[in-house]
Amino acid sequence: MIIFGLRSYFHDQPLGGFMALYWRDSLEIALALIDLYPEVDPKKIHFTELRQWVLDLEDFADDPNHCGERVLEAIQLAWMEEQDD
């Protein structure tokens, strides 16, 4: 295991209280974005902006090139569902 800062980039294990986020973690990513951007309506966000916000998350550890429209759509839908609750 290689450790950069407090995150493990090779295991999904929490390390120092942090959990690395990957593109497949749409709900966890959506929750992190809700905390950072509570005033944003996810229906109005552009995918290019959403992608950059995900990449900027402190705990995000995935390959930026593994993201496509379907992945961003899943994050956006999770965000909308959480806001509706």
N, C-alpha and C. Protein backbone atom coordinates (compact mmCIF):
# COMPACT_ATOMS: atom_id res chain seq x y z
N MET A 1 0.85 -1.18 0.00
CA MET A 1 0.00 0.00 0.00
C MET A 1 0.89 1.24 0.00
N ILE A 2 0.61 2.15 -0.88
CA ILE A 2 1.31 3.43 -0.91
C ILE A 2 0.39 4.48 -0.34
N ILE A 3 0.92 5.31 0.52
CA ILE A 3 0.11 6.32 1.19
C ILE A 3 0.59 7.70 0.79
N PHE A 4 -0.34 8.53 0.34
CA PHE A 4 -0.07 9.93 0.02
C PHE A 4 -0.92 10.75 0.99
N GLY A 5 -0.33 11.50 1.85
CA GLY A 5 -1.11 12.25 2.83
C GLY A 5 -1.77 11.26 3.77
N LEU A 6 -3.08 11.37 3.92
CA LEU A 6 -3.81 10.47 4.80
C LEU A 6 -4.67 9.47 4.02
N ARG A 7 -4.49 9.39 2.72
CA ARG A 7 -5.36 8.54 1.92
C ARG A 7 -4.61 7.34 1.37
N SER A 8 -5.30 6.25 1.27
CA SER A 8 -4.78 5.06 0.63
C SER A 8 -5.31 5.02 -0.79
N TYR A 9 -4.43 4.93 -1.76
CA TYR A 9 -4.87 4.92 -3.15
C TYR A 9 -4.98 3.51 -3.72
N PHE A 10 -4.71 2.49 -2.91
CA PHE A 10 -4.78 1.14 -3.41
C PHE A 10 -5.78 0.28 -2.66
N HIS A 11 -6.39 0.80 -1.65
CA HIS A 11 -7.37 0.06 -0.87
C HIS A 11 -8.55 0.97 -0.57
N ASP A 12 -9.72 0.36 -0.46
CA ASP A 12 -10.91 1.11 -0.08
C ASP A 12 -11.05 1.19 1.43
N GLN A 13 -9.96 0.98 2.13
CA GLN A 13 -9.98 1.00 3.58
C GLN A 13 -9.88 2.44 4.08
N PRO A 14 -10.64 2.77 5.11
CA PRO A 14 -10.47 4.10 5.70
C PRO A 14 -9.08 4.22 6.29
N LEU A 15 -8.48 5.36 6.14
CA LEU A 15 -7.13 5.58 6.64
C LEU A 15 -7.11 6.94 7.32
N GLY A 16 -6.89 6.98 8.58
CA GLY A 16 -6.87 8.25 9.29
C GLY A 16 -8.23 8.92 9.29
N GLY A 17 -9.31 8.12 9.19
CA GLY A 17 -10.65 8.68 9.20
C GLY A 17 -11.16 9.08 7.83
N PHE A 18 -10.36 8.92 6.78
CA PHE A 18 -10.76 9.31 5.44
C PHE A 18 -11.03 8.07 4.60
N MET A 19 -11.96 8.18 3.68
CA MET A 19 -12.26 7.10 2.75
C MET A 19 -12.03 7.65 1.34
N ALA A 20 -11.22 6.97 0.58
CA ALA A 20 -10.98 7.39 -0.80
C ALA A 20 -12.26 7.24 -1.60
N LEU A 21 -12.54 8.21 -2.47
CA LEU A 21 -13.72 8.18 -3.33
C LEU A 21 -13.31 7.83 -4.76
N TYR A 22 -14.15 7.03 -5.39
CA TYR A 22 -13.94 6.61 -6.77
C TYR A 22 -15.19 6.93 -7.57
N TRP A 23 -15.06 6.94 -8.89
CA TRP A 23 -16.20 7.29 -9.75
C TRP A 23 -17.42 6.44 -9.43
N ARG A 24 -17.24 5.20 -9.02
CA ARG A 24 -18.37 4.31 -8.74
C ARG A 24 -19.15 4.72 -7.49
N ASP A 25 -18.58 5.60 -6.68
CA ASP A 25 -19.19 6.02 -5.41
C ASP A 25 -20.11 7.23 -5.60
N SER A 26 -21.10 7.07 -6.47
CA SER A 26 -21.92 8.23 -6.84
C SER A 26 -22.65 8.85 -5.64
N LEU A 27 -23.20 8.04 -4.76
CA LEU A 27 -23.91 8.59 -3.60
C LEU A 27 -22.96 9.35 -2.67
N GLU A 28 -21.82 8.76 -2.36
CA GLU A 28 -20.86 9.41 -1.46
C GLU A 28 -20.33 10.70 -2.08
N ILE A 29 -20.10 10.68 -3.38
CA ILE A 29 -19.66 11.90 -4.08
C ILE A 29 -20.75 12.95 -4.02
N ALA A 30 -21.99 12.54 -4.27
CA ALA A 30 -23.11 13.49 -4.21
C ALA A 30 -23.22 14.11 -2.82
N LEU A 31 -23.09 13.31 -1.79
CA LEU A 31 -23.17 13.85 -0.42
C LEU A 31 -22.05 14.84 -0.14
N ALA A 32 -20.85 14.55 -0.62
CA ALA A 32 -19.73 15.48 -0.44
C ALA A 32 -20.00 16.79 -1.18
N LEU A 33 -20.56 16.70 -2.37
CA LEU A 33 -20.86 17.92 -3.15
C LEU A 33 -21.98 18.73 -2.51
N ILE A 34 -22.96 18.05 -1.94
CA ILE A 34 -24.04 18.76 -1.23
C ILE A 34 -23.46 19.56 -0.08
N ASP A 35 -22.50 18.98 0.64
CA ASP A 35 -21.86 19.70 1.75
C ASP A 35 -21.09 20.92 1.26
N LEU A 36 -20.42 20.77 0.12
CA LEU A 36 -19.60 21.87 -0.40
C LEU A 36 -20.40 22.93 -1.15
N TYR A 37 -21.47 22.52 -1.80
CA TYR A 37 -22.25 23.42 -2.65
C TYR A 37 -23.74 23.32 -2.33
N PRO A 38 -24.14 23.67 -1.11
CA PRO A 38 -25.54 23.49 -0.71
C PRO A 38 -26.53 24.35 -1.50
N GLU A 39 -26.06 25.43 -2.07
CA GLU A 39 -26.95 26.34 -2.79
C GLU A 39 -27.12 25.98 -4.26
N VAL A 40 -26.39 25.00 -4.74
CA VAL A 40 -26.42 24.63 -6.15
C VAL A 40 -27.58 23.69 -6.45
N ASP A 41 -28.28 23.98 -7.54
CA ASP A 41 -29.32 23.10 -8.04
C ASP A 41 -28.65 22.11 -8.99
N PRO A 42 -28.60 20.82 -8.64
CA PRO A 42 -27.89 19.86 -9.49
C PRO A 42 -28.50 19.70 -10.88
N LYS A 43 -29.75 20.11 -11.06
CA LYS A 43 -30.39 20.03 -12.38
C LYS A 43 -29.81 21.06 -13.34
N LYS A 44 -29.17 22.08 -12.81
CA LYS A 44 -28.67 23.17 -13.64
C LYS A 44 -27.16 23.15 -13.84
N ILE A 45 -26.50 22.15 -13.31
CA ILE A 45 -25.05 22.10 -13.41
C ILE A 45 -24.63 21.43 -14.72
N HIS A 46 -23.59 21.96 -15.33
CA HIS A 46 -23.02 21.37 -16.55
C HIS A 46 -22.10 20.22 -16.15
N PHE A 47 -22.06 19.19 -16.97
CA PHE A 47 -21.23 18.03 -16.66
C PHE A 47 -19.75 18.40 -16.58
N THR A 48 -19.31 19.36 -17.35
CA THR A 48 -17.90 19.76 -17.27
C THR A 48 -17.59 20.34 -15.90
N GLU A 49 -18.50 21.13 -15.37
CA GLU A 49 -18.32 21.71 -14.03
C GLU A 49 -18.42 20.63 -12.96
N LEU A 50 -19.40 19.73 -13.10
CA LEU A 50 -19.56 18.65 -12.13
C LEU A 50 -18.30 17.78 -12.09
N ARG A 51 -17.77 17.44 -13.25
CA ARG A 51 -16.55 16.63 -13.31
C ARG A 51 -15.40 17.31 -12.57
N GLN A 52 -15.23 18.61 -12.79
CA GLN A 52 -14.15 19.32 -12.11
C GLN A 52 -14.35 19.36 -10.61
N TRP A 53 -15.59 19.56 -10.16
CA TRP A 53 -15.85 19.57 -8.73
C TRP A 53 -15.53 18.22 -8.10
N VAL A 54 -15.84 17.13 -8.80
CA VAL A 54 -15.51 15.80 -8.28
C VAL A 54 -13.99 15.64 -8.20
N LEU A 55 -13.31 16.03 -9.26
CA LEU A 55 -11.85 15.91 -9.26
C LEU A 55 -11.21 16.75 -8.16
N ASP A 56 -11.85 17.84 -7.78
CA ASP A 56 -11.32 18.73 -6.74
C ASP A 56 -11.61 18.24 -5.32
N LEU A 57 -12.45 17.22 -5.17
CA LEU A 57 -12.75 16.72 -3.82
C LEU A 57 -11.47 16.19 -3.19
N GLU A 58 -11.25 16.53 -1.96
CA GLU A 58 -10.03 16.16 -1.25
C GLU A 58 -9.81 14.65 -1.22
N ASP A 59 -10.89 13.88 -1.07
CA ASP A 59 -10.77 12.44 -0.93
C ASP A 59 -10.92 11.68 -2.25
N PHE A 60 -11.02 12.39 -3.36
CA PHE A 60 -11.18 11.72 -4.64
C PHE A 60 -9.85 11.12 -5.08
N ALA A 61 -9.87 9.82 -5.43
CA ALA A 61 -8.61 9.12 -5.70
C ALA A 61 -8.62 8.33 -7.00
N ASP A 62 -9.61 8.54 -7.84
CA ASP A 62 -9.71 7.75 -9.06
C ASP A 62 -9.04 8.44 -10.24
N ASP A 63 -8.91 7.69 -11.31
CA ASP A 63 -8.32 8.19 -12.55
C ASP A 63 -9.31 9.14 -13.23
N PRO A 64 -8.92 10.37 -13.50
CA PRO A 64 -9.83 11.32 -14.16
C PRO A 64 -10.33 10.82 -15.51
N ASN A 65 -9.57 9.96 -16.17
CA ASN A 65 -9.96 9.48 -17.49
C ASN A 65 -11.01 8.37 -17.44
N HIS A 66 -11.34 7.88 -16.27
CA HIS A 66 -12.35 6.83 -16.14
C HIS A 66 -13.75 7.39 -15.95
N CYS A 67 -13.94 8.61 -16.31
CA CYS A 67 -15.23 9.27 -16.14
C CYS A 67 -15.88 9.49 -17.50
N GLY A 68 -17.16 9.19 -17.56
CA GLY A 68 -17.93 9.43 -18.77
C GLY A 68 -19.27 10.06 -18.41
N GLU A 69 -20.07 10.28 -19.41
CA GLU A 69 -21.37 10.92 -19.20
C GLU A 69 -22.27 10.11 -18.27
N ARG A 70 -22.24 8.79 -18.39
CA ARG A 70 -23.09 7.94 -17.53
C ARG A 70 -22.69 8.06 -16.07
N VAL A 71 -21.41 8.17 -15.80
CA VAL A 71 -20.91 8.31 -14.43
C VAL A 71 -21.38 9.64 -13.84
N LEU A 72 -21.22 10.70 -14.61
CA LEU A 72 -21.65 12.03 -14.15
C LEU A 72 -23.16 12.09 -13.97
N GLU A 73 -23.88 11.42 -14.84
CA GLU A 73 -25.34 11.37 -14.72
C GLU A 73 -25.75 10.66 -13.43
N ALA A 74 -25.05 9.59 -13.07
CA ALA A 74 -25.34 8.87 -11.83
C ALA A 74 -25.09 9.76 -10.61
N ILE A 75 -24.01 10.53 -10.64
CA ILE A 75 -23.71 11.45 -9.54
C ILE A 75 -24.79 12.53 -9.46
N GLN A 76 -25.16 13.09 -10.60
CA GLN A 76 -26.18 14.13 -10.64
C GLN A 76 -27.52 13.60 -10.12
N LEU A 77 -27.92 12.39 -10.53
CA LEU A 77 -29.17 11.80 -10.06
C LEU A 77 -29.14 11.54 -8.56
N ALA A 78 -28.02 11.05 -8.05
CA ALA A 78 -27.89 10.83 -6.60
C ALA A 78 -28.01 12.14 -5.85
N TRP A 79 -27.41 13.19 -6.39
CA TRP A 79 -27.49 14.53 -5.78
C TRP A 79 -28.93 15.01 -5.74
N MET A 80 -29.64 14.87 -6.85
CA MET A 80 -31.05 15.30 -6.91
C MET A 80 -31.92 14.52 -5.94
N GLU A 81 -31.69 13.21 -5.85
CA GLU A 81 -32.46 12.38 -4.92
C GLU A 81 -32.21 12.78 -3.47
N GLU A 82 -30.98 13.07 -3.13
CA GLU A 82 -30.66 13.46 -1.76
C GLU A 82 -31.26 14.83 -1.42
N GLN A 83 -31.30 15.73 -2.38
CA GLN A 83 -31.91 17.03 -2.13
C GLN A 83 -33.42 16.94 -1.95
N ASP A 84 -34.02 15.96 -2.61
CA ASP A 84 -35.48 15.79 -2.50
C ASP A 84 -35.90 15.20 -1.16
N ASP A 85 -34.97 14.54 -0.48
CA ASP A 85 -35.30 13.91 0.82
C ASP A 85 -35.47 14.91 1.92
